[in-house]
């Protein structure tokens, strides 16, 4: 096999595309961005375990952070659950104790109001397990909660390390100029695309990212799908396109036009992602930052 490959390169080497020349800095971003993504998935897994367990014996804890961002992943939620892992202990907490706990966990706005609300929620009457079973479930929940605490610390560490590695890369200035492209999304994009300027054409980059699906038409049925793509790049593209809707008037207008033409939610976001990728390819190729008026020129009525 080695001789065969050597002969192919010797006789037809000019017909084969060379491997991408990715720098060591970009490879470091790839490693850290993928590690941070895996840690986020692990955090979600442990948070779901805590939520499922609380549902069986401690429904008040689920209601306490139901409408707050990140829910049970919040540092104050984890601190209060560690202090009162059972409904009996939660109902016995005073407002001052709750306020001290959430303040130590990092909350600094509306502490007293939030503590009063938590006290009222934890003192609500719900169906209860027998005392012995409730105590055992509290120990089990603490075990899972400790795992969640560890992975939350890991996510914070990897997010900081990923951001540091991303910001020192020469292409970070271009990525950061795009709407909704912060250090995490920018690092994931850079880690999967690389920094070799000759690696992709515009069309090739869109196909590689899953933003240019193939279309099959049979009779009256039309299927648009693409299975062969970089799944990491395809996933971050969905988040990027969605986040850009509230940060870029051009992205929002483009998305609305696609919906008016009949595209579904995912298809419109995918088309917007492809548009952003085309702009990103141009900016990286020429070393210029993103410009809204050029990427999405205004249409005259």
Protein backbone atom coordinates (compact mmCIF):
# COMPACT_ATOMS: atom_id res chain seq x y z
CA UNK A 1 0.00 0.00 0.00
CA UNK A 2 2.82 2.41 0.82
CA UNK A 3 4.47 1.73 -2.56
CA UNK A 4 1.15 2.26 -4.33
CA UNK A 5 0.59 5.61 -2.63
CA UNK A 6 4.16 6.67 -3.39
CA UNK A 7 3.73 5.84 -7.08
CA UNK A 8 0.43 7.74 -7.22
CA UNK A 9 2.08 10.84 -5.79
CA UNK A 10 5.11 10.42 -8.06
CA UNK A 11 3.15 10.11 -11.30
CA UNK A 12 -0.09 12.00 -10.58
CA UNK A 13 0.87 14.25 -7.68
CA UNK A 14 -0.29 17.38 -9.46
CA UNK A 15 -3.82 15.97 -9.72
CA UNK A 16 -4.28 15.59 -5.97
CA UNK A 17 -5.10 18.39 -3.58
CA UNK A 18 -2.50 18.89 -0.82
CA UNK A 19 -3.46 18.54 2.81
CA UNK A 20 -4.56 21.74 4.55
CA UNK A 21 -1.72 23.69 6.14
CA UNK A 22 -3.28 24.46 9.50
CA UNK A 23 -1.08 26.38 11.92
CA UNK A 24 -0.29 25.15 15.42
CA UNK A 25 -2.26 28.06 16.89
CA UNK A 26 -5.37 26.98 14.98
CA UNK A 27 -4.85 23.36 16.05
CA UNK A 28 -4.71 24.49 19.67
CA UNK A 29 -8.01 26.34 19.20
CA UNK A 30 -9.50 23.16 17.70
CA UNK A 31 -8.50 21.06 20.70
CA UNK A 32 -9.81 23.55 23.25
CA UNK A 33 -13.04 24.36 21.38
CA UNK A 34 -13.95 20.68 21.06
CA UNK A 35 -13.09 20.03 24.70
CA UNK A 36 -15.25 22.98 25.77
CA UNK A 37 -18.14 21.72 23.64
CA UNK A 38 -17.87 18.22 25.13
CA UNK A 39 -17.81 19.69 28.65
CA UNK A 40 -20.98 21.67 27.90
CA UNK A 41 -22.70 18.48 26.74
CA UNK A 42 -21.58 16.71 29.92
CA UNK A 43 -22.90 19.58 32.02
CA UNK A 44 -26.28 19.31 30.32
CA UNK A 45 -26.31 15.57 31.00
CA UNK A 46 -25.67 16.00 34.73
CA UNK A 47 -28.17 18.87 34.95
CA UNK A 48 -30.81 16.63 33.41
CA UNK A 49 -29.96 13.94 35.97
CA UNK A 50 -30.47 16.42 38.82
CA UNK A 51 -33.74 17.63 37.31
CA UNK A 52 -35.08 14.10 36.83
CA UNK A 53 -34.23 13.17 40.41
CA UNK A 54 -35.75 16.32 41.90
CA UNK A 55 -38.96 15.66 40.00
CA UNK A 56 -39.47 12.45 41.98
CA UNK A 57 -39.22 13.94 45.48
CA UNK A 58 -38.50 17.70 45.50
CA UNK A 59 -40.81 19.55 43.04
CA UNK A 60 -40.42 22.87 44.88
CA UNK A 61 -36.74 22.98 43.87
CA UNK A 62 -37.73 22.72 40.21
CA UNK A 63 -40.20 25.59 40.53
CA UNK A 64 -37.67 27.82 42.31
CA UNK A 65 -35.51 28.36 39.21
CA UNK A 66 -37.94 27.36 36.48
CA UNK A 67 -38.12 30.76 34.77
CA UNK A 68 -34.50 31.86 35.29
CA UNK A 69 -31.74 31.49 32.67
CA UNK A 70 -29.69 28.27 33.06
CA UNK A 71 -32.09 26.98 35.73
CA UNK A 72 -30.48 24.41 38.00
CA UNK A 73 -27.06 25.05 36.47
CA UNK A 74 -26.93 28.48 38.13
CA UNK A 75 -24.35 28.72 40.92
CA UNK A 76 -26.94 29.97 43.42
CA UNK A 77 -29.26 27.05 42.63
CA UNK A 78 -26.49 24.51 43.17
CA UNK A 79 -25.40 26.20 46.40
CA UNK A 80 -28.91 26.20 47.84
CA UNK A 81 -29.53 22.57 46.85
CA UNK A 82 -26.28 21.58 48.55
CA UNK A 83 -27.44 23.37 51.70
CA UNK A 84 -30.97 21.90 51.64
CA UNK A 85 -31.06 18.67 49.60
CA UNK A 86 -34.50 17.58 50.91
CA UNK A 87 -37.91 19.31 51.04
CA UNK A 88 -37.87 19.26 54.85
CA UNK A 89 -34.54 21.09 54.98
CA UNK A 90 -35.61 23.52 52.26
CA UNK A 91 -38.83 24.48 54.03
CA UNK A 92 -36.89 25.16 57.25
CA UNK A 93 -34.55 27.73 55.67
CA UNK A 94 -34.97 31.33 56.76
CA UNK A 95 -34.93 34.28 54.41
CA UNK A 96 -31.60 35.48 55.86
CA UNK A 97 -29.97 32.07 55.40
CA UNK A 98 -31.14 31.90 51.80
CA UNK A 99 -29.90 35.44 51.14
CA UNK A 100 -26.47 34.67 52.59
CA UNK A 101 -26.22 31.49 50.51
CA UNK A 102 -27.11 33.02 47.17
CA UNK A 103 -24.91 36.06 47.87
CA UNK A 104 -21.94 33.79 48.55
CA UNK A 105 -22.72 31.98 45.28
CA UNK A 106 -22.38 35.22 43.31
CA UNK A 107 -25.77 36.90 43.23
CA UNK A 108 -25.57 40.63 43.95
CA UNK A 109 -28.79 42.13 42.53
CA UNK A 110 -32.19 42.00 44.29
CA UNK A 111 -30.86 39.56 46.87
CA UNK A 112 -33.59 40.13 49.47
CA UNK A 113 -36.41 39.97 46.91
CA UNK A 114 -35.00 36.79 45.41
CA UNK A 115 -34.50 35.24 48.85
CA UNK A 116 -38.11 36.01 49.83
CA UNK A 117 -39.39 34.42 46.62
CA UNK A 118 -37.28 31.30 47.14
CA UNK A 119 -38.45 30.97 50.74
CA UNK A 120 -42.10 31.13 49.65
CA UNK A 121 -41.57 28.56 46.90
CA UNK A 122 -39.69 26.12 49.14
CA UNK A 123 -42.39 26.34 51.81
CA UNK A 124 -45.20 25.43 49.42
CA UNK A 125 -46.97 22.14 50.13
CA UNK A 126 -46.34 19.30 47.69
CA UNK A 127 -46.67 15.54 47.70
CA UNK A 128 -43.84 14.06 49.75
CA UNK A 129 -41.97 10.78 49.89
CA UNK A 130 -41.69 8.90 53.20
CA UNK A 131 -39.02 10.52 55.45
CA UNK A 132 -36.53 7.64 55.06
CA UNK A 133 -36.91 7.59 51.27
CA UNK A 134 -36.69 11.38 51.12
CA UNK A 135 -33.44 11.36 53.08
CA UNK A 136 -31.96 8.67 50.83
CA UNK A 137 -32.93 10.61 47.71
CA UNK A 138 -31.26 13.68 49.20
CA UNK A 139 -27.97 11.79 49.48
CA UNK A 140 -28.32 10.54 45.92
CA UNK A 141 -29.04 14.05 44.65
CA UNK A 142 -25.97 15.41 46.45
CA UNK A 143 -23.80 12.84 44.70
CA UNK A 144 -25.06 13.94 41.28
CA UNK A 145 -24.87 17.60 42.32
CA UNK A 146 -21.18 17.24 43.16
CA UNK A 147 -20.58 15.89 39.66
CA UNK A 148 -22.48 18.86 38.23
CA UNK A 149 -20.36 21.26 40.31
CA UNK A 150 -17.17 19.69 38.97
CA UNK A 151 -18.22 19.84 35.34
CA UNK A 152 -19.43 23.45 35.74
CA UNK A 153 -15.96 24.38 36.98
CA UNK A 154 -14.48 22.50 34.02
CA UNK A 155 -16.69 24.40 31.58
CA UNK A 156 -15.62 27.74 33.07
CA UNK A 157 -11.94 26.79 32.87
CA UNK A 158 -12.15 25.51 29.29
CA UNK A 159 -14.23 28.49 28.17
CA UNK A 160 -11.59 30.87 29.49
CA UNK A 161 -8.75 28.87 27.94
CA UNK A 162 -10.59 28.66 24.61
CA UNK A 163 -11.18 32.41 24.59
CA UNK A 164 -7.53 33.12 25.36
CA UNK A 165 -6.32 30.84 22.55
CA UNK A 166 -8.84 32.35 20.14
CA UNK A 167 -7.97 35.99 20.85
CA UNK A 168 -4.24 35.50 20.17
CA UNK A 169 -4.91 34.02 16.73
CA UNK A 170 -4.44 36.48 13.83
CA UNK A 171 -7.89 35.67 12.41
CA UNK A 172 -9.69 36.50 15.66
CA UNK A 173 -10.14 40.12 14.59
CA UNK A 174 -12.07 39.06 11.50
CA UNK A 175 -14.25 36.53 13.32
CA UNK A 176 -15.04 38.96 16.13
CA UNK A 177 -16.25 41.58 13.67
CA UNK A 178 -19.20 39.38 12.67
CA UNK A 179 -22.52 39.74 14.52
CA UNK A 180 -23.05 37.30 17.41
CA UNK A 181 -19.59 35.78 16.87
CA UNK A 182 -18.08 35.88 20.34
CA UNK A 183 -15.05 33.96 21.61
CA UNK A 184 -16.89 30.63 21.97
CA UNK A 185 -18.65 30.60 18.60
CA UNK A 186 -15.63 32.18 16.94
CA UNK A 187 -13.31 29.56 18.39
CA UNK A 188 -15.55 26.73 17.25
CA UNK A 189 -15.72 28.16 13.75
CA UNK A 190 -11.97 28.75 13.58
CA UNK A 191 -11.24 25.32 15.04
CA UNK A 192 -13.24 23.51 12.36
CA UNK A 193 -12.46 25.74 9.37
CA UNK A 194 -8.76 26.20 10.12
CA UNK A 195 -6.60 29.06 8.92
CA UNK A 196 -5.36 27.76 5.55
CA UNK A 197 -6.62 30.37 3.05
CA UNK A 198 -6.54 27.88 0.16
CA UNK A 199 -8.36 25.04 1.89
CA UNK A 200 -11.89 25.94 0.74
CA UNK A 201 -13.70 27.72 -2.01
CA UNK A 202 -16.88 29.57 -1.04
CA UNK A 203 -19.03 26.76 -2.37
CA UNK A 204 -16.81 24.13 -0.78
CA UNK A 205 -16.97 25.81 2.62
CA UNK A 206 -20.77 25.99 2.51
CA UNK A 207 -20.96 22.32 1.56
CA UNK A 208 -18.43 21.32 4.23
CA UNK A 209 -20.48 23.16 6.87
CA UNK A 210 -23.79 21.62 5.79
CA UNK A 211 -25.16 24.99 4.66
CA UNK A 212 -25.56 23.95 1.00
CA UNK A 213 -27.83 20.89 1.06
CA UNK A 214 -28.54 18.68 -1.93
CA UNK A 215 -32.08 18.59 -3.35
CA UNK A 216 -33.90 15.50 -4.63
CA UNK A 217 -37.19 15.82 -6.49
CA UNK A 218 -39.46 12.87 -7.23
CA UNK A 219 -42.94 13.51 -8.59
CA UNK A 220 -44.50 16.12 -6.29
CA UNK A 221 -42.11 15.46 -3.40
CA UNK A 222 -39.00 17.56 -2.86
CA UNK A 223 -36.39 16.61 -0.24
CA UNK A 224 -33.56 18.96 0.68
CA UNK A 225 -30.95 17.40 2.92
CA UNK A 226 -27.24 16.94 3.35
CA UNK A 227 -25.85 14.16 5.49
CA UNK A 228 -22.17 14.52 4.60
CA UNK A 229 -20.90 17.55 6.51
CA UNK A 230 -18.74 18.53 9.44
CA UNK A 231 -21.26 18.03 12.24
CA UNK A 232 -19.43 20.29 14.65
CA UNK A 233 -19.41 23.12 12.12
CA UNK A 234 -23.02 22.47 11.17
CA UNK A 235 -24.16 22.62 14.81
CA UNK A 236 -22.34 25.83 15.68
CA UNK A 237 -23.68 27.39 12.50
CA UNK A 238 -27.26 26.91 13.67
CA UNK A 239 -26.48 28.70 16.97
CA UNK A 240 -24.58 31.44 15.17
CA UNK A 241 -27.35 32.15 12.69
CA UNK A 242 -30.00 32.15 15.41
CA UNK A 243 -28.02 34.50 17.67
CA UNK A 244 -27.37 36.91 14.79
CA UNK A 245 -31.10 37.59 14.33
CA UNK A 246 -31.16 40.00 17.28
CA UNK A 247 -27.75 41.54 16.62
CA UNK A 248 -27.84 42.30 12.91
CA UNK A 249 -30.68 44.03 11.03
CA UNK A 250 -29.36 42.54 7.80
CA UNK A 251 -29.44 38.99 9.17
CA UNK A 252 -32.96 39.51 10.50
CA UNK A 253 -34.21 40.90 7.19
CA UNK A 254 -32.60 38.04 5.26
CA UNK A 255 -34.18 35.46 7.58
CA UNK A 256 -37.62 37.11 7.29
CA UNK A 257 -37.39 37.10 3.49
CA UNK A 258 -36.61 33.40 3.46
CA UNK A 259 -39.57 32.67 5.73
CA UNK A 260 -41.85 34.72 3.46
CA UNK A 261 -40.71 32.61 0.51
CA UNK A 262 -41.86 29.45 2.27
CA UNK A 263 -38.70 28.24 4.03
CA UNK A 264 -39.16 26.58 7.38
CA UNK A 265 -37.39 27.70 10.53
CA UNK A 266 -34.36 25.43 10.10
CA UNK A 267 -34.10 26.00 6.35
CA UNK A 268 -34.15 29.79 6.76
CA UNK A 269 -31.45 29.63 9.43
CA UNK A 270 -29.37 27.32 7.25
CA UNK A 271 -29.64 29.73 4.32
CA UNK A 272 -28.62 32.62 6.60
CA UNK A 273 -25.69 30.54 7.85
CA UNK A 274 -24.57 29.99 4.28
CA UNK A 275 -24.76 33.73 3.66
CA UNK A 276 -22.63 34.43 6.74
CA UNK A 277 -20.12 31.78 5.67
CA UNK A 278 -19.77 33.40 2.25
CA UNK A 279 -19.05 36.73 3.92
CA UNK A 280 -16.63 35.07 6.33
CA UNK A 281 -14.74 33.42 3.47
CA UNK A 282 -14.40 36.77 1.68
CA UNK A 283 -13.24 38.59 4.82
CA UNK A 284 -10.67 35.91 5.68
CA UNK A 285 -9.41 35.80 2.10
CA UNK A 286 -8.81 39.55 1.99
CA UNK A 287 -8.07 40.17 5.67
CA UNK A 288 -10.86 42.71 6.12
CA UNK A 289 -13.47 42.96 8.91
CA UNK A 290 -17.17 42.34 8.43
CA UNK A 291 -19.23 45.24 7.09
CA UNK A 292 -23.00 45.06 7.43
CA UNK A 293 -23.78 47.27 4.43
CA UNK A 294 -21.65 45.13 2.12
CA UNK A 295 -22.85 41.76 3.42
CA UNK A 296 -26.53 42.78 3.39
CA UNK A 297 -27.01 45.78 1.08
CA UNK A 298 -30.28 47.61 1.68
CA UNK A 299 -33.04 46.95 -0.82
CA UNK A 300 -34.92 49.87 -2.25
CA UNK A 301 -38.67 49.67 -2.01
